[in-house]
Amino acid sequence: MKTEAQCTVVIVAYHSAALLPSCLAAIPEACPVIVVDNASPDDSADVARAARPSARVIRAPRNLGFGPGANLGFAEVSTEFGLLLNADATLEPQTIAGLIAAARRYPEAGLLAPEVIAGEGHMQFGHDLPFRRLRGPVVEPVGDACCWYVGGSAMFLRMSVMRALGGFDPEIFLYFEDDDLCLRVRAAGHALIHVAGVRVRHEGGASSAPSPRLSHWKAFHQGWSRLHLEAKHHGRAAAWRLALAEWPGLALKAALRRGDERRVKWAGRAAGMWAWMRGRKAGEIRLG
């Protein structure tokens, strides 16, 4: 058996028809591939079948969100390892073999990640508040490193750990599902390893054409998911403190700075926080 056959690649696709051919073409032939089409408005599912005839393509009945869509794919994985890969990311030739080798070197690791390289050539590693509150500013690792967090664009998972944790939080529709998983992997006693020398190229946000409506929708989920994460890991009182510290400023800026292009995002984040404060679930909110 080829080394790469020990890993199944799972891709959650939404409006990703333009990206899937290059993403799928870079995956070694020995790897099983599962593509979850999250009720895309384009022909992502058909493109995936044409680009990778051996892939299993699962059509979700509606847009489930990123984490729940990934769970649908991982439920079908039978290999020892799984790689969750963004549709706007492409593997380098030895990436999966390198990640499997690292998983063998570090049996305590539940979650590993390659170096993720942005289109302009720099490493994508910095992340948001949930981890900065724990240890200060993010520093890029040099060599293999045990980390608080690994990025969600390419997450290499030991499937026994993923199953024991129950996968991604089904309450999170979009954003911070990777933070939540990292926190739970660490809480369960497993290491997170950033692996040097194996790389994934990531365009970042390329799967969706920009529009004010989409920007508002994404910002909404950033606001909602941030408070959900805070409540889940630090308690509802901490989430309410965060909401009361940030929501008024976001709402005021959205209302008053009418000429500022950031107004759509401020309004979206404020709306998402307000929805969380009112007890609404993220999965209840639809783009349209």
Protein backbone atom coordinates (compact mmCIF):
# COMPACT_ATOMS: atom_id res chain seq x y z
CA MET A 1 0.00 0.00 0.00
CA LYS A 2 1.31 3.47 -0.88
CA THR A 3 1.87 5.79 2.06
CA GLU A 4 -0.68 8.31 0.77
CA ALA A 5 -3.44 5.66 0.78
CA GLN A 6 -3.48 5.92 4.58
CA CYS A 7 -5.04 9.40 4.35
CA THR A 8 -8.43 10.48 3.00
CA VAL A 9 -8.72 14.08 1.81
CA VAL A 10 -12.02 15.79 2.65
CA ILE A 11 -12.97 18.99 0.82
CA VAL A 12 -16.04 21.07 1.67
CA ALA A 13 -17.10 22.90 -1.47
CA TYR A 14 -19.38 25.90 -1.76
CA HIS A 15 -19.38 27.87 -5.00
CA SER A 16 -16.00 26.27 -5.70
CA ALA A 17 -16.31 25.09 -9.31
CA ALA A 18 -13.47 27.35 -10.49
CA LEU A 19 -11.11 26.07 -7.78
CA LEU A 20 -11.77 22.35 -7.57
CA PRO A 21 -9.88 21.19 -10.71
CA SER A 22 -6.50 22.52 -9.49
CA CYS A 23 -7.15 21.48 -5.89
CA LEU A 24 -8.08 17.91 -6.88
CA ALA A 25 -5.32 17.57 -9.47
CA ALA A 26 -2.65 18.14 -6.81
CA ILE A 27 -3.89 15.32 -4.55
CA PRO A 28 -1.89 12.07 -4.99
CA GLU A 29 -3.77 9.39 -6.90
CA ALA A 30 -3.39 6.93 -4.02
CA CYS A 31 -5.41 9.16 -1.65
CA PRO A 32 -9.13 8.54 -1.30
CA VAL A 33 -10.99 11.83 -1.78
CA ILE A 34 -14.40 12.93 -0.47
CA VAL A 35 -15.95 16.17 -1.72
CA VAL A 36 -18.94 17.52 0.22
CA ASP A 37 -20.93 19.91 -1.96
CA ASN A 38 -22.67 22.25 0.48
CA ALA A 39 -25.66 22.93 -1.81
CA SER A 40 -23.53 25.15 -4.05
CA PRO A 41 -25.31 27.56 -6.40
CA ASP A 42 -22.87 26.54 -9.16
CA ASP A 43 -21.90 23.15 -10.62
CA SER A 44 -19.24 22.33 -8.00
CA ALA A 45 -20.42 18.72 -7.63
CA ASP A 46 -20.30 18.00 -11.37
CA VAL A 47 -16.91 19.68 -11.70
CA ALA A 48 -15.54 17.57 -8.83
CA ARG A 49 -16.76 14.35 -10.47
CA ALA A 50 -15.21 15.31 -13.79
CA ALA A 51 -11.90 16.40 -12.27
CA ARG A 52 -11.54 13.37 -9.99
CA PRO A 53 -13.72 10.47 -11.18
CA SER A 54 -12.59 8.30 -8.25
CA ALA A 55 -13.73 10.85 -5.68
CA ARG A 56 -16.84 10.32 -3.61
CA VAL A 57 -19.03 13.38 -4.03
CA ILE A 58 -21.68 13.97 -1.36
CA ARG A 59 -24.41 16.51 -2.05
CA ALA A 60 -25.66 18.12 1.16
CA PRO A 61 -29.41 18.87 1.13
CA ARG A 62 -28.66 22.51 2.08
CA ASN A 63 -25.70 24.63 3.06
CA LEU A 64 -24.82 23.01 6.38
CA GLY A 65 -21.90 25.29 7.17
CA PHE A 66 -18.22 24.46 7.04
CA GLY A 67 -17.78 22.33 10.16
CA PRO A 68 -21.02 20.35 9.79
CA GLY A 69 -20.18 19.82 6.10
CA ALA A 70 -16.77 18.49 7.09
CA ASN A 71 -18.41 16.17 9.61
CA LEU A 72 -20.55 14.75 6.81
CA GLY A 73 -17.40 13.91 4.87
CA PHE A 74 -15.41 12.57 7.82
CA ALA A 75 -18.25 10.21 8.71
CA GLU A 76 -17.31 8.29 5.53
CA VAL A 77 -13.55 8.14 6.19
CA SER A 78 -12.14 4.67 6.88
CA THR A 79 -8.40 5.46 6.71
CA GLU A 80 -6.16 6.10 9.72
CA PHE A 81 -5.73 9.76 8.85
CA GLY A 82 -7.86 12.48 7.30
CA LEU A 83 -6.86 15.81 5.77
CA LEU A 84 -9.42 18.61 5.72
CA LEU A 85 -8.39 20.77 2.77
CA ASN A 86 -9.87 24.06 1.60
CA ALA A 87 -11.01 24.13 -2.01
CA ASP A 88 -8.76 27.16 -2.59
CA ALA A 89 -5.67 25.27 -1.40
CA THR A 90 -3.30 23.03 -3.38
CA LEU A 91 -0.90 20.41 -2.05
CA GLU A 92 2.76 20.19 -2.93
CA PRO A 93 3.87 16.71 -4.13
CA GLN A 94 5.20 15.32 -0.81
CA THR A 95 2.79 17.05 1.57
CA ILE A 96 0.67 14.07 2.58
CA ALA A 97 3.61 11.68 2.83
CA GLY A 98 5.39 14.26 4.99
CA LEU A 99 2.39 14.67 7.28
CA ILE A 100 2.00 10.92 7.71
CA ALA A 101 5.71 10.62 8.53
CA ALA A 102 5.31 13.38 11.14
CA ALA A 103 2.29 11.62 12.65
CA ARG A 104 4.49 8.52 13.07
CA ARG A 105 7.25 10.60 14.70
CA TYR A 106 4.80 12.23 17.09
CA PRO A 107 2.29 9.59 18.23
CA GLU A 108 1.00 12.00 20.88
CA ALA A 109 -0.25 14.38 18.16
CA GLY A 110 -3.97 14.40 17.46
CA LEU A 111 -3.80 17.19 14.91
CA LEU A 112 -1.00 18.27 12.59
CA ALA A 113 -0.66 20.94 9.93
CA PRO A 114 1.73 21.78 7.09
CA GLU A 115 3.24 25.14 6.35
CA VAL A 116 0.47 27.12 4.66
CA ILE A 117 1.87 29.53 2.08
CA ALA A 118 -0.21 32.46 0.83
CA GLY A 119 -0.35 33.47 -2.81
CA GLU A 120 2.27 36.18 -2.27
CA GLY A 121 4.67 33.71 -0.65
CA HIS A 122 4.49 34.34 3.09
CA MET A 123 3.48 31.78 5.69
CA GLN A 124 -0.06 32.07 7.06
CA PHE A 125 0.08 31.36 10.75
CA GLY A 126 -1.14 34.25 12.89
CA HIS A 127 -4.58 33.94 14.45
CA ASP A 128 -7.23 35.62 16.50
CA LEU A 129 -8.06 36.44 20.10
CA PRO A 130 -8.87 33.06 21.66
CA PHE A 131 -5.21 32.09 21.55
CA ARG A 132 -3.60 35.48 22.07
CA ARG A 133 -5.36 35.70 25.42
CA LEU A 134 -3.52 32.51 26.41
CA ARG A 135 0.04 33.31 25.44
CA GLY A 136 0.44 36.70 23.77
CA PRO A 137 1.35 37.44 20.12
CA VAL A 138 1.69 34.58 17.67
CA VAL A 139 5.24 33.74 16.59
CA GLU A 140 5.84 31.76 13.42
CA PRO A 141 7.38 28.37 14.23
CA VAL A 142 10.85 27.37 13.04
CA GLY A 143 11.10 23.62 12.48
CA ASP A 144 8.50 21.20 13.78
CA ALA A 145 6.72 22.86 16.68
CA CYS A 146 4.09 22.01 19.27
CA CYS A 147 1.51 24.81 19.04
CA TRP A 148 -1.63 26.15 20.67
CA TYR A 149 -3.32 26.38 17.29
CA VAL A 150 -2.98 25.13 13.72
CA GLY A 151 -4.82 26.75 10.82
CA GLY A 152 -8.04 25.43 9.33
CA SER A 153 -7.12 25.57 5.64
CA ALA A 154 -5.26 22.23 5.88
CA MET A 155 -5.85 20.19 9.06
CA PHE A 156 -4.33 16.71 9.22
CA LEU A 157 -6.27 14.60 11.69
CA ARG A 158 -5.69 11.33 13.45
CA MET A 159 -9.13 9.87 12.86
CA SER A 160 -9.30 8.02 16.19
CA VAL A 161 -8.97 11.39 17.93
CA MET A 162 -11.47 13.08 15.60
CA ARG A 163 -14.06 10.40 16.30
CA ALA A 164 -13.47 10.46 20.05
CA LEU A 165 -14.10 14.23 20.03
CA GLY A 166 -17.23 13.95 17.88
CA GLY A 167 -15.85 16.04 15.02
CA PHE A 168 -16.44 19.75 14.57
CA ASP A 169 -18.96 21.57 16.73
CA PRO A 170 -22.27 21.29 14.81
CA GLU A 171 -23.47 24.57 16.34
CA ILE A 172 -20.83 26.59 14.47
CA PHE A 173 -21.88 27.39 10.92
CA LEU A 174 -18.77 29.31 9.87
CA TYR A 175 -15.60 30.70 11.51
CA PHE A 176 -13.80 29.61 14.68
CA GLU A 177 -14.65 25.93 14.16
CA ASP A 178 -10.89 25.34 13.81
CA ASP A 179 -10.15 27.22 17.04
CA ASP A 180 -12.76 25.16 18.85
CA LEU A 181 -11.35 21.88 17.56
CA CYS A 182 -7.81 22.87 18.53
CA LEU A 183 -8.93 23.74 22.05
CA ARG A 184 -10.74 20.41 22.40
CA VAL A 185 -7.82 18.39 21.02
CA ARG A 186 -5.50 19.99 23.60
CA ALA A 187 -8.04 19.55 26.41
CA ALA A 188 -8.20 15.84 25.57
CA GLY A 189 -4.43 15.57 26.11
CA HIS A 190 -3.22 15.49 22.50
CA ALA A 191 -0.52 17.65 20.93
CA LEU A 192 -0.95 19.99 17.97
CA ILE A 193 2.08 19.88 15.69
CA HIS A 194 3.05 22.35 12.97
CA VAL A 195 5.21 20.36 10.54
CA ALA A 196 8.12 22.10 8.82
CA GLY A 197 9.11 21.37 5.26
CA VAL A 198 5.75 20.20 3.93
CA ARG A 199 3.63 22.86 2.28
CA VAL A 200 0.18 23.78 1.06
CA ARG A 201 -0.47 26.78 -1.18
CA HIS A 202 -3.53 28.76 -0.12
CA GLU A 203 -5.20 31.54 -2.06
CA GLY A 204 -7.54 32.48 0.80
CA GLY A 205 -11.18 33.49 0.23
CA ALA A 206 -11.02 32.77 -3.48
CA SER A 207 -14.07 30.49 -3.52
CA SER A 208 -16.61 33.31 -3.23
CA ALA A 209 -17.05 36.36 -5.43
CA PRO A 210 -17.00 39.46 -3.18
CA SER A 211 -20.26 41.34 -2.64
CA PRO A 212 -21.69 43.50 0.19
CA ARG A 213 -24.32 40.83 0.88
CA LEU A 214 -21.73 38.08 1.22
CA SER A 215 -19.41 40.27 3.30
CA HIS A 216 -22.26 41.01 5.72
CA TRP A 217 -23.14 37.30 5.95
CA LYS A 218 -19.55 36.27 6.67
CA ALA A 219 -19.12 39.03 9.25
CA PHE A 220 -22.39 37.95 10.88
CA HIS A 221 -20.98 34.48 11.48
CA GLN A 222 -17.68 35.90 12.72
CA GLY A 223 -19.60 37.80 15.38
CA TRP A 224 -21.88 34.93 16.34
CA SER A 225 -19.16 32.25 16.38
CA ARG A 226 -16.77 34.40 18.42
CA LEU A 227 -19.30 34.69 21.25
CA HIS A 228 -20.26 31.02 20.99
CA LEU A 229 -16.59 30.04 21.33
CA GLU A 230 -16.12 32.33 24.32
CA ALA A 231 -19.20 30.94 26.07
CA LYS A 232 -18.27 27.34 25.35
CA HIS A 233 -14.69 27.53 26.63
CA HIS A 234 -14.80 30.34 29.20
CA GLY A 235 -18.44 30.53 30.29
CA ARG A 236 -21.47 32.62 29.34
CA ALA A 237 -20.47 35.43 31.68
CA ALA A 238 -17.20 35.85 29.76
CA ALA A 239 -19.12 35.84 26.47
CA TRP A 240 -21.50 38.51 27.71
CA ARG A 241 -18.58 40.64 28.89
CA LEU A 242 -17.03 40.34 25.43
CA ALA A 243 -20.34 41.17 23.76
CA LEU A 244 -20.94 44.24 25.91
CA ALA A 245 -17.37 45.42 25.31
CA GLU A 246 -17.51 45.09 21.51
CA TRP A 247 -21.10 45.20 20.29
CA PRO A 248 -21.94 48.87 21.09
CA GLY A 249 -18.88 50.15 19.24
CA LEU A 250 -19.54 47.98 16.19
CA ALA A 251 -23.20 49.02 16.07
CA LEU A 252 -22.34 52.72 16.41
CA LYS A 253 -19.65 52.63 13.73
CA ALA A 254 -22.01 50.80 11.37
CA ALA A 255 -24.72 53.40 11.97
CA LEU A 256 -22.63 56.56 11.86
CA ARG A 257 -19.76 56.01 9.43
CA ARG A 258 -21.84 55.82 6.28
CA GLY A 259 -19.01 56.54 3.88
CA ASP A 260 -16.68 53.90 5.27
CA GLU A 261 -16.37 50.69 3.23
CA ARG A 262 -15.88 48.73 6.47
CA ARG A 263 -19.43 49.57 7.51
CA VAL A 264 -20.84 46.34 6.00
CA LYS A 265 -18.51 44.20 8.11
CA TRP A 266 -19.14 46.19 11.29
CA ALA A 267 -22.88 45.85 10.76
CA GLY A 268 -22.57 42.13 10.06
CA ARG A 269 -20.49 41.42 13.16
CA ALA A 270 -22.83 43.48 15.31
CA ALA A 271 -25.82 41.63 13.90
CA GLY A 272 -24.19 38.27 14.60
CA MET A 273 -23.41 39.23 18.18
CA TRP A 274 -26.94 40.53 18.64
CA ALA A 275 -28.34 37.25 17.32
CA TRP A 276 -26.22 35.31 19.82
CA MET A 277 -27.38 37.57 22.65
CA ARG A 278 -30.99 36.91 21.65
CA GLY A 279 -30.39 33.15 21.74
CA ARG A 280 -30.56 32.51 17.99
CA LYS A 281 -28.66 29.58 16.49
CA ALA A 282 -26.16 30.20 13.69
CA GLY A 283 -27.67 27.47 11.52
CA GLU A 284 -31.00 29.32 11.49
CA ILE A 285 -29.49 32.22 9.52
CA ARG A 286 -29.51 31.95 5.75
CA LEU A 287 -27.76 34.06 3.14
CA GLY A 288 -30.98 34.38 1.20
